PDB file of N, CA and C in Angstrom:
ATOM      1  N   MET A   1      23.681   1.863  23.508  1.00  0.00           N
ATOM      2  CA  MET A   1      23.618   2.574  24.760  1.00  0.00           C
ATOM      3  C   MET A   1      24.736   3.611  24.777  1.00  0.00           C
ATOM      4  N   CYS A   2      24.371   4.802  25.222  1.00  0.00           N
ATOM      5  CA  CYS A   2      25.337   5.896  25.289  1.00  0.00           C
ATOM      6  C   CYS A   2      26.330   5.639  26.422  1.00  0.00           C
ATOM      7  N   LYS A   3      27.617   5.809  26.119  1.00  0.00           N
ATOM      8  CA  LYS A   3      28.670   5.604  27.128  1.00  0.00           C
ATOM      9  C   LYS A   3      28.599   6.639  28.232  1.00  0.00           C
ATOM     10  N   HIS A   4      28.147   7.832  27.912  1.00  0.00           N
ATOM     11  CA  HIS A   4      28.192   8.941  28.864  1.00  0.00           C
ATOM     12  C   HIS A   4      26.962   9.022  29.761  1.00  0.00           C
ATOM     13  N   CYS A   5      25.774   8.895  29.182  1.00  0.00           N
ATOM     14  CA  CYS A   5      24.556   9.098  29.996  1.00  0.00           C
ATOM     15  C   CYS A   5      23.735   7.830  30.201  1.00  0.00           C
ATOM     16  N   GLY A   6      24.009   6.768  29.451  1.00  0.00           N
ATOM     17  CA  GLY A   6      23.294   5.513  29.631  1.00  0.00           C
ATOM     18  C   GLY A   6      21.979   5.398  28.879  1.00  0.00           C
ATOM     19  N   VAL A   7      21.665   6.377  28.027  1.00  0.00           N
ATOM     20  CA  VAL A   7      20.423   6.345  27.262  1.00  0.00           C
ATOM     21  C   VAL A   7      20.522   5.255  26.193  1.00  0.00           C
ATOM     22  N   LYS A   8      19.466   4.479  26.092  1.00  0.00           N
ATOM     23  CA  LYS A   8      19.435   3.401  25.103  1.00  0.00           C
ATOM     24  C   LYS A   8      19.000   3.963  23.755  1.00  0.00           C
ATOM     25  N   PHE A   9      19.776   3.685  22.713  1.00  0.00           N
ATOM     26  CA  PHE A   9      19.453   4.118  21.369  1.00  0.00           C
ATOM     27  C   PHE A   9      18.516   3.105  20.726  1.00  0.00           C
ATOM     28  N   VAL A  10      17.559   3.607  19.954  1.00  0.00           N
ATOM     29  CA  VAL A  10      16.670   2.748  19.183  1.00  0.00           C
ATOM     30  C   VAL A  10      16.977   2.991  17.715  1.00  0.00           C
ATOM     31  N   ARG A  11      17.433   1.944  17.047  1.00  0.00           N
ATOM     32  CA  ARG A  11      17.770   2.071  15.635  1.00  0.00           C
ATOM     33  C   ARG A  11      16.509   2.017  14.786  1.00  0.00           C
ATOM     34  N   LYS A  12      16.505   2.767  13.680  1.00  0.00           N
ATOM     35  CA  LYS A  12      15.362   2.759  12.773  1.00  0.00           C
ATOM     36  C   LYS A  12      15.154   1.373  12.177  1.00  0.00           C
ATOM     37  N   SER A  13      16.244   0.645  11.978  1.00  0.00           N
ATOM     38  CA  SER A  13      16.122  -0.688  11.396  1.00  0.00           C
ATOM     39  C   SER A  13      15.373  -1.629  12.341  1.00  0.00           C
ATOM     40  N   ASP A  14      15.524  -1.451  13.647  1.00  0.00           N
ATOM     41  CA  ASP A  14      14.783  -2.288  14.604  1.00  0.00           C
ATOM     42  C   ASP A  14      13.279  -2.024  14.511  1.00  0.00           C
ATOM     43  N   LYS A  15      12.922  -0.749  14.420  1.00  0.00           N
ATOM     44  CA  LYS A  15      11.502  -0.408  14.294  1.00  0.00           C
ATOM     45  C   LYS A  15      10.936  -0.958  12.992  1.00  0.00           C
ATOM     46  N   MET A  16      11.698  -0.830  11.918  1.00  0.00           N
ATOM     47  CA  MET A  16      11.226  -1.303  10.612  1.00  0.00           C
ATOM     48  C   MET A  16      11.080  -2.819  10.610  1.00  0.00           C
ATOM     49  N   ALA A  17      12.002  -3.532  11.234  1.00  0.00           N
ATOM     50  CA  ALA A  17      11.918  -4.990  11.283  1.00  0.00           C
ATOM     51  C   ALA A  17      10.673  -5.433  12.033  1.00  0.00           C
ATOM     52  N   ARG A  18      10.367  -4.762  13.135  1.00  0.00           N
ATOM     53  CA  ARG A  18       9.156  -5.117  13.888  1.00  0.00           C
ATOM     54  C   ARG A  18       7.914  -4.850  13.060  1.00  0.00           C
ATOM     55  N   ARG A  19       7.881  -3.737  12.354  1.00  0.00           N
ATOM     56  CA  ARG A  19       6.722  -3.389  11.535  1.00  0.00           C
ATOM     57  C   ARG A  19       6.554  -4.389  10.393  1.00  0.00           C
ATOM     58  N   MET A  20       7.655  -4.820   9.795  1.00  0.00           N
ATOM     59  CA  MET A  20       7.581  -5.754   8.677  1.00  0.00           C
ATOM     60  C   MET A  20       7.105  -7.126   9.121  1.00  0.00           C
ATOM     61  N   THR A  21       7.508  -7.603  10.291  1.00  0.00           N
ATOM     62  CA  THR A  21       7.036  -8.914  10.735  1.00  0.00           C
ATOM     63  C   THR A  21       5.542  -8.870  11.035  1.00  0.00           C
ATOM     64  N   THR A  22       5.079  -7.770  11.593  1.00  0.00           N
ATOM     65  CA  THR A  22       3.645  -7.646  11.833  1.00  0.00           C
ATOM     66  C   THR A  22       2.893  -7.609  10.509  1.00  0.00           C
ATOM     67  N   SER A  23       3.400  -6.866   9.550  1.00  0.00           N
ATOM     68  CA  SER A  23       2.753  -6.782   8.255  1.00  0.00           C
ATOM     69  C   SER A  23       2.740  -8.133   7.545  1.00  0.00           C
ATOM     70  N   ALA A  24       3.808  -8.904   7.705  1.00  0.00           N
ATOM     71  CA  ALA A  24       3.869 -10.228   7.092  1.00  0.00           C
ATOM     72  C   ALA A  24       2.794 -11.135   7.671  1.00  0.00           C
ATOM     73  N   ARG A  25       2.639 -11.090   8.971  1.00  0.00           N
ATOM     74  CA  ARG A  25       1.608 -11.923   9.614  1.00  0.00           C
ATOM     75  C   ARG A  25       0.218 -11.520   9.157  1.00  0.00           C
ATOM     76  N   ILE A  26      -0.009 -10.224   9.067  1.00  0.00           N
ATOM     77  CA  ILE A  26      -1.318  -9.743   8.624  1.00  0.00           C
ATOM     78  C   ILE A  26      -1.578 -10.159   7.179  1.00  0.00           C
ATOM     79  N   ALA A  27      -0.567 -10.044   6.328  1.00  0.00           N
ATOM     80  CA  ALA A  27      -0.729 -10.424   4.920  1.00  0.00           C
ATOM     81  C   ALA A  27      -1.024 -11.912   4.791  1.00  0.00           C
ATOM     82  N   MET A  28      -0.306 -12.747   5.534  1.00  0.00           N
ATOM     83  CA  MET A  28      -0.544 -14.193   5.449  1.00  0.00           C
ATOM     84  C   MET A  28      -1.918 -14.558   6.000  1.00  0.00           C
ATOM     85  N   ALA A  29      -2.322 -13.930   7.106  1.00  0.00           N
ATOM     86  CA  ALA A  29      -3.638 -14.218   7.678  1.00  0.00           C
ATOM     87  C   ALA A  29      -4.751 -13.763   6.732  1.00  0.00           C
ATOM     88  N   SER A  30      -4.594 -12.589   6.152  1.00  0.00           N
ATOM     89  CA  SER A  30      -5.594 -12.085   5.205  1.00  0.00           C
ATOM     90  C   SER A  30      -5.668 -12.972   3.970  1.00  0.00           C
ATOM     91  N   GLY A  31      -4.511 -13.391   3.485  1.00  0.00           N
ATOM     92  CA  GLY A  31      -4.484 -14.285   2.331  1.00  0.00           C
ATOM     93  C   GLY A  31      -5.171 -15.604   2.614  1.00  0.00           C
ATOM     94  N   GLY A  32      -4.911 -16.164   3.788  1.00  0.00           N
ATOM     95  CA  GLY A  32      -5.558 -17.416   4.165  1.00  0.00           C
ATOM     96  C   GLY A  32      -7.065 -17.274   4.270  1.00  0.00           C
ATOM     97  N   LEU A  33      -7.501 -16.163   4.849  1.00  0.00           N
ATOM     98  CA  LEU A  33      -8.938 -15.914   4.970  1.00  0.00           C
ATOM     99  C   LEU A  33      -9.585 -15.775   3.594  1.00  0.00           C
ATOM    100  N   LEU A  34      -8.917 -15.081   2.684  1.00  0.00           N
ATOM    101  CA  LEU A  34      -9.463 -14.935   1.332  1.00  0.00           C
ATOM    102  C   LEU A  34      -9.527 -16.265   0.592  1.00  0.00           C
ATOM    103  N   VAL A  35      -8.567 -17.135   0.819  1.00  0.00           N
ATOM    104  CA  VAL A  35      -8.608 -18.461   0.185  1.00  0.00           C
ATOM    105  C   VAL A  35      -9.800 -19.255   0.718  1.00  0.00           C
ATOM    106  N   VAL A  36     -10.053 -19.176   2.006  1.00  0.00           N
ATOM    107  CA  VAL A  36     -11.219 -19.869   2.589  1.00  0.00           C
ATOM    108  C   VAL A  36     -12.507 -19.305   2.001  1.00  0.00           C
ATOM    109  N   ILE A  37     -12.578 -17.991   1.881  1.00  0.00           N
ATOM    110  CA  ILE A  37     -13.768 -17.371   1.277  1.00  0.00           C
ATOM    111  C   ILE A  37     -13.920 -17.815  -0.176  1.00  0.00           C
ATOM    112  N   ALA A  38     -12.810 -17.949  -0.893  1.00  0.00           N
ATOM    113  CA  ALA A  38     -12.855 -18.407  -2.283  1.00  0.00           C
ATOM    114  C   ALA A  38     -13.425 -19.819  -2.377  1.00  0.00           C
ATOM    115  N   VAL A  39     -13.057 -20.679  -1.452  1.00  0.00           N
ATOM    116  CA  VAL A  39     -13.589 -22.051  -1.449  1.00  0.00           C
ATOM    117  C   VAL A  39     -15.098 -22.022  -1.209  1.00  0.00           C
ATOM    118  N   ILE A  40     -15.528 -21.196  -0.276  1.00  0.00           N
ATOM    119  CA  ILE A  40     -16.965 -21.086   0.008  1.00  0.00           C
ATOM    120  C   ILE A  40     -17.709 -20.560  -1.217  1.00  0.00           C
ATOM    121  N   LEU A  41     -17.132 -19.559  -1.882  1.00  0.00           N
ATOM    122  CA  LEU A  41     -17.760 -19.033  -3.096  1.00  0.00           C
ATOM    123  C   LEU A  41     -17.833 -20.100  -4.184  1.00  0.00           C
ATOM    124  N   ALA A  42     -16.780 -20.882  -4.328  1.00  0.00           N
ATOM    125  CA  ALA A  42     -16.764 -21.933  -5.350  1.00  0.00           C
ATOM    126  C   ALA A  42     -17.817 -22.994  -5.056  1.00  0.00           C
ATOM    127  N   LEU A  43     -18.008 -23.309  -3.794  1.00  0.00           N
ATOM    128  CA  LEU A  43     -19.029 -24.289  -3.424  1.00  0.00           C
ATOM    129  C   LEU A  43     -20.438 -23.775  -3.712  1.00  0.00           C
ATOM    130  N   ASN A  44     -20.583 -22.453  -3.780  1.00  0.00           N
ATOM    131  CA  ASN A  44     -21.885 -21.847  -4.087  1.00  0.00           C
ATOM    132  C   ASN A  44     -21.988 -21.416  -5.544  1.00  0.00           C
ATOM    133  N   ASN A  45     -21.157 -22.008  -6.403  1.00  0.00           N
ATOM    134  CA  ASN A  45     -21.183 -21.795  -7.855  1.00  0.00           C
ATOM    135  C   ASN A  45     -20.883 -20.359  -8.282  1.00  0.00           C
ATOM    136  N   ALA A  46     -20.156 -19.594  -7.490  1.00  0.00           N
ATOM    137  CA  ALA A  46     -19.735 -18.245  -7.870  1.00  0.00           C
ATOM    138  C   ALA A  46     -18.275 -18.331  -8.302  1.00  0.00           C
ATOM    139  N   TYR A  47     -18.051 -18.992  -9.431  1.00  0.00           N
ATOM    140  CA  TYR A  47     -16.693 -19.334  -9.842  1.00  0.00           C
ATOM    141  C   TYR A  47     -15.832 -18.128 -10.200  1.00  0.00           C
ATOM    142  N   ILE A  48     -16.413 -17.113 -10.837  1.00  0.00           N
ATOM    143  CA  ILE A  48     -15.621 -15.941 -11.216  1.00  0.00           C
ATOM    144  C   ILE A  48     -15.128 -15.218  -9.971  1.00  0.00           C
ATOM    145  N   PHE A  49     -16.025 -14.987  -9.012  1.00  0.00           N
ATOM    146  CA  PHE A  49     -15.629 -14.332  -7.771  1.00  0.00           C
ATOM    147  C   PHE A  49     -14.670 -15.201  -6.975  1.00  0.00           C
ATOM    148  N   ALA A  50     -14.895 -16.495  -6.997  1.00  0.00           N
ATOM    149  CA  ALA A  50     -14.021 -17.414  -6.276  1.00  0.00           C
ATOM    150  C   ALA A  50     -12.614 -17.377  -6.858  1.00  0.00           C
ATOM    151  N   GLY A  51     -12.506 -17.363  -8.181  1.00  0.00           N
ATOM    152  CA  GLY A  51     -11.197 -17.325  -8.823  1.00  0.00           C
ATOM    153  C   GLY A  51     -10.439 -16.056  -8.497  1.00  0.00           C
ATOM    154  N   ALA A  52     -11.121 -14.917  -8.590  1.00  0.00           N
ATOM    155  CA  ALA A  52     -10.474 -13.636  -8.291  1.00  0.00           C
ATOM    156  C   ALA A  52     -10.066 -13.566  -6.825  1.00  0.00           C
ATOM    157  N   THR A  53     -10.939 -14.023  -5.939  1.00  0.00           N
ATOM    158  CA  THR A  53     -10.640 -14.000  -4.508  1.00  0.00           C
ATOM    159  C   THR A  53      -9.482 -14.926  -4.183  1.00  0.00           C
ATOM    160  N   PHE A  54      -9.450 -16.084  -4.823  1.00  0.00           N
ATOM    161  CA  PHE A  54      -8.364 -17.030  -4.588  1.00  0.00           C
ATOM    162  C   PHE A  54      -7.022 -16.444  -5.041  1.00  0.00           C
ATOM    163  N   ILE A  55      -7.014 -15.803  -6.199  1.00  0.00           N
ATOM    164  CA  ILE A  55      -5.765 -15.231  -6.715  1.00  0.00           C
ATOM    165  C   ILE A  55      -5.242 -14.144  -5.774  1.00  0.00           C
ATOM    166  N   VAL A  56      -6.117 -13.251  -5.339  1.00  0.00           N
ATOM    167  CA  VAL A  56      -5.694 -12.186  -4.414  1.00  0.00           C
ATOM    168  C   VAL A  56      -5.212 -12.792  -3.100  1.00  0.00           C
ATOM    169  N   GLY A  57      -5.933 -13.781  -2.586  1.00  0.00           N
ATOM    170  CA  GLY A  57      -5.524 -14.424  -1.339  1.00  0.00           C
ATOM    171  C   GLY A  57      -4.188 -15.125  -1.460  1.00  0.00           C
ATOM    172  N   ALA A  58      -3.976 -15.813  -2.574  1.00  0.00           N
ATOM    173  CA  ALA A  58      -2.705 -16.504  -2.781  1.00  0.00           C
ATOM    174  C   ALA A  58      -1.558 -15.512  -2.893  1.00  0.00           C
ATOM    175  N   LEU A  59      -1.788 -14.412  -3.596  1.00  0.00           N
ATOM    176  CA  LEU A  59      -0.742 -13.387  -3.711  1.00  0.00           C
ATOM    177  C   LEU A  59      -0.405 -12.768  -2.358  1.00  0.00           C
ATOM    178  N   LEU A  60      -1.426 -12.471  -1.564  1.00  0.00           N
ATOM    179  CA  LEU A  60      -1.167 -11.933  -0.232  1.00  0.00           C
ATOM    180  C   LEU A  60      -0.384 -12.931   0.622  1.00  0.00           C
ATOM    181  N   GLY A  61      -0.750 -14.198   0.533  1.00  0.00           N
ATOM    182  CA  GLY A  61      -0.021 -15.220   1.278  1.00  0.00           C
ATOM    183  C   GLY A  61       1.430 -15.318   0.856  1.00  0.00           C
ATOM    184  N   LEU A  62       1.671 -15.250  -0.443  1.00  0.00           N
ATOM    185  CA  LEU A  62       3.049 -15.314  -0.946  1.00  0.00           C
ATOM    186  C   LEU A  62       3.851 -14.082  -0.554  1.00  0.00           C
ATOM    187  N   ILE A  63       3.224 -12.929  -0.620  1.00  0.00           N
ATOM    188  CA  ILE A  63       3.910 -11.693  -0.208  1.00  0.00           C
ATOM    189  C   ILE A  63       4.251 -11.758   1.276  1.00  0.00           C
ATOM    190  N   GLY A  64       3.298 -12.191   2.077  1.00  0.00           N
ATOM    191  CA  GLY A  64       3.558 -12.329   3.513  1.00  0.00           C
ATOM    192  C   GLY A  64       4.652 -13.328   3.812  1.00  0.00           C
ATOM    193  N   LYS A  65       4.658 -14.422   3.072  1.00  0.00           N
ATOM    194  CA  LYS A  65       5.687 -15.444   3.269  1.00  0.00           C
ATOM    195  C   LYS A  65       7.062 -14.919   2.890  1.00  0.00           C
ATOM    196  N   SER A  66       7.129 -14.135   1.806  1.00  0.00           N
ATOM    197  CA  SER A  66       8.439 -13.616   1.378  1.00  0.00           C
ATOM    198  C   SER A  66       8.942 -12.544   2.347  1.00  0.00           C
ATOM    199  N   MET A  67       8.044 -11.855   3.046  1.00  0.00           N
ATOM    200  CA  MET A  67       8.459 -10.845   4.024  1.00  0.00           C
ATOM    201  C   MET A  67       8.915 -11.478   5.321  1.00  0.00           C
ATOM    202  N   ASP A  68       8.458 -12.675   5.599  1.00  0.00           N
ATOM    203  CA  ASP A  68       8.750 -13.351   6.870  1.00  0.00           C
ATOM    204  C   ASP A  68      10.137 -13.854   6.960  1.00  0.00           C
TER     205      ASP A  68
END
């Protein structure tokens, strides 16, 4: 806050932190959804697609977790 006029300063780091937490949540949610889709694909004997989907979902989940 400015001593002279009272204007509140917004730091770039605050904006970036908010953006990163939102991105982390989105990455973890997307990763979880892809893992569920991978299980459904595996149950329908689409093992190659299930494996690729599971790997991408797991990576997104791990990236989201590391950002959190």
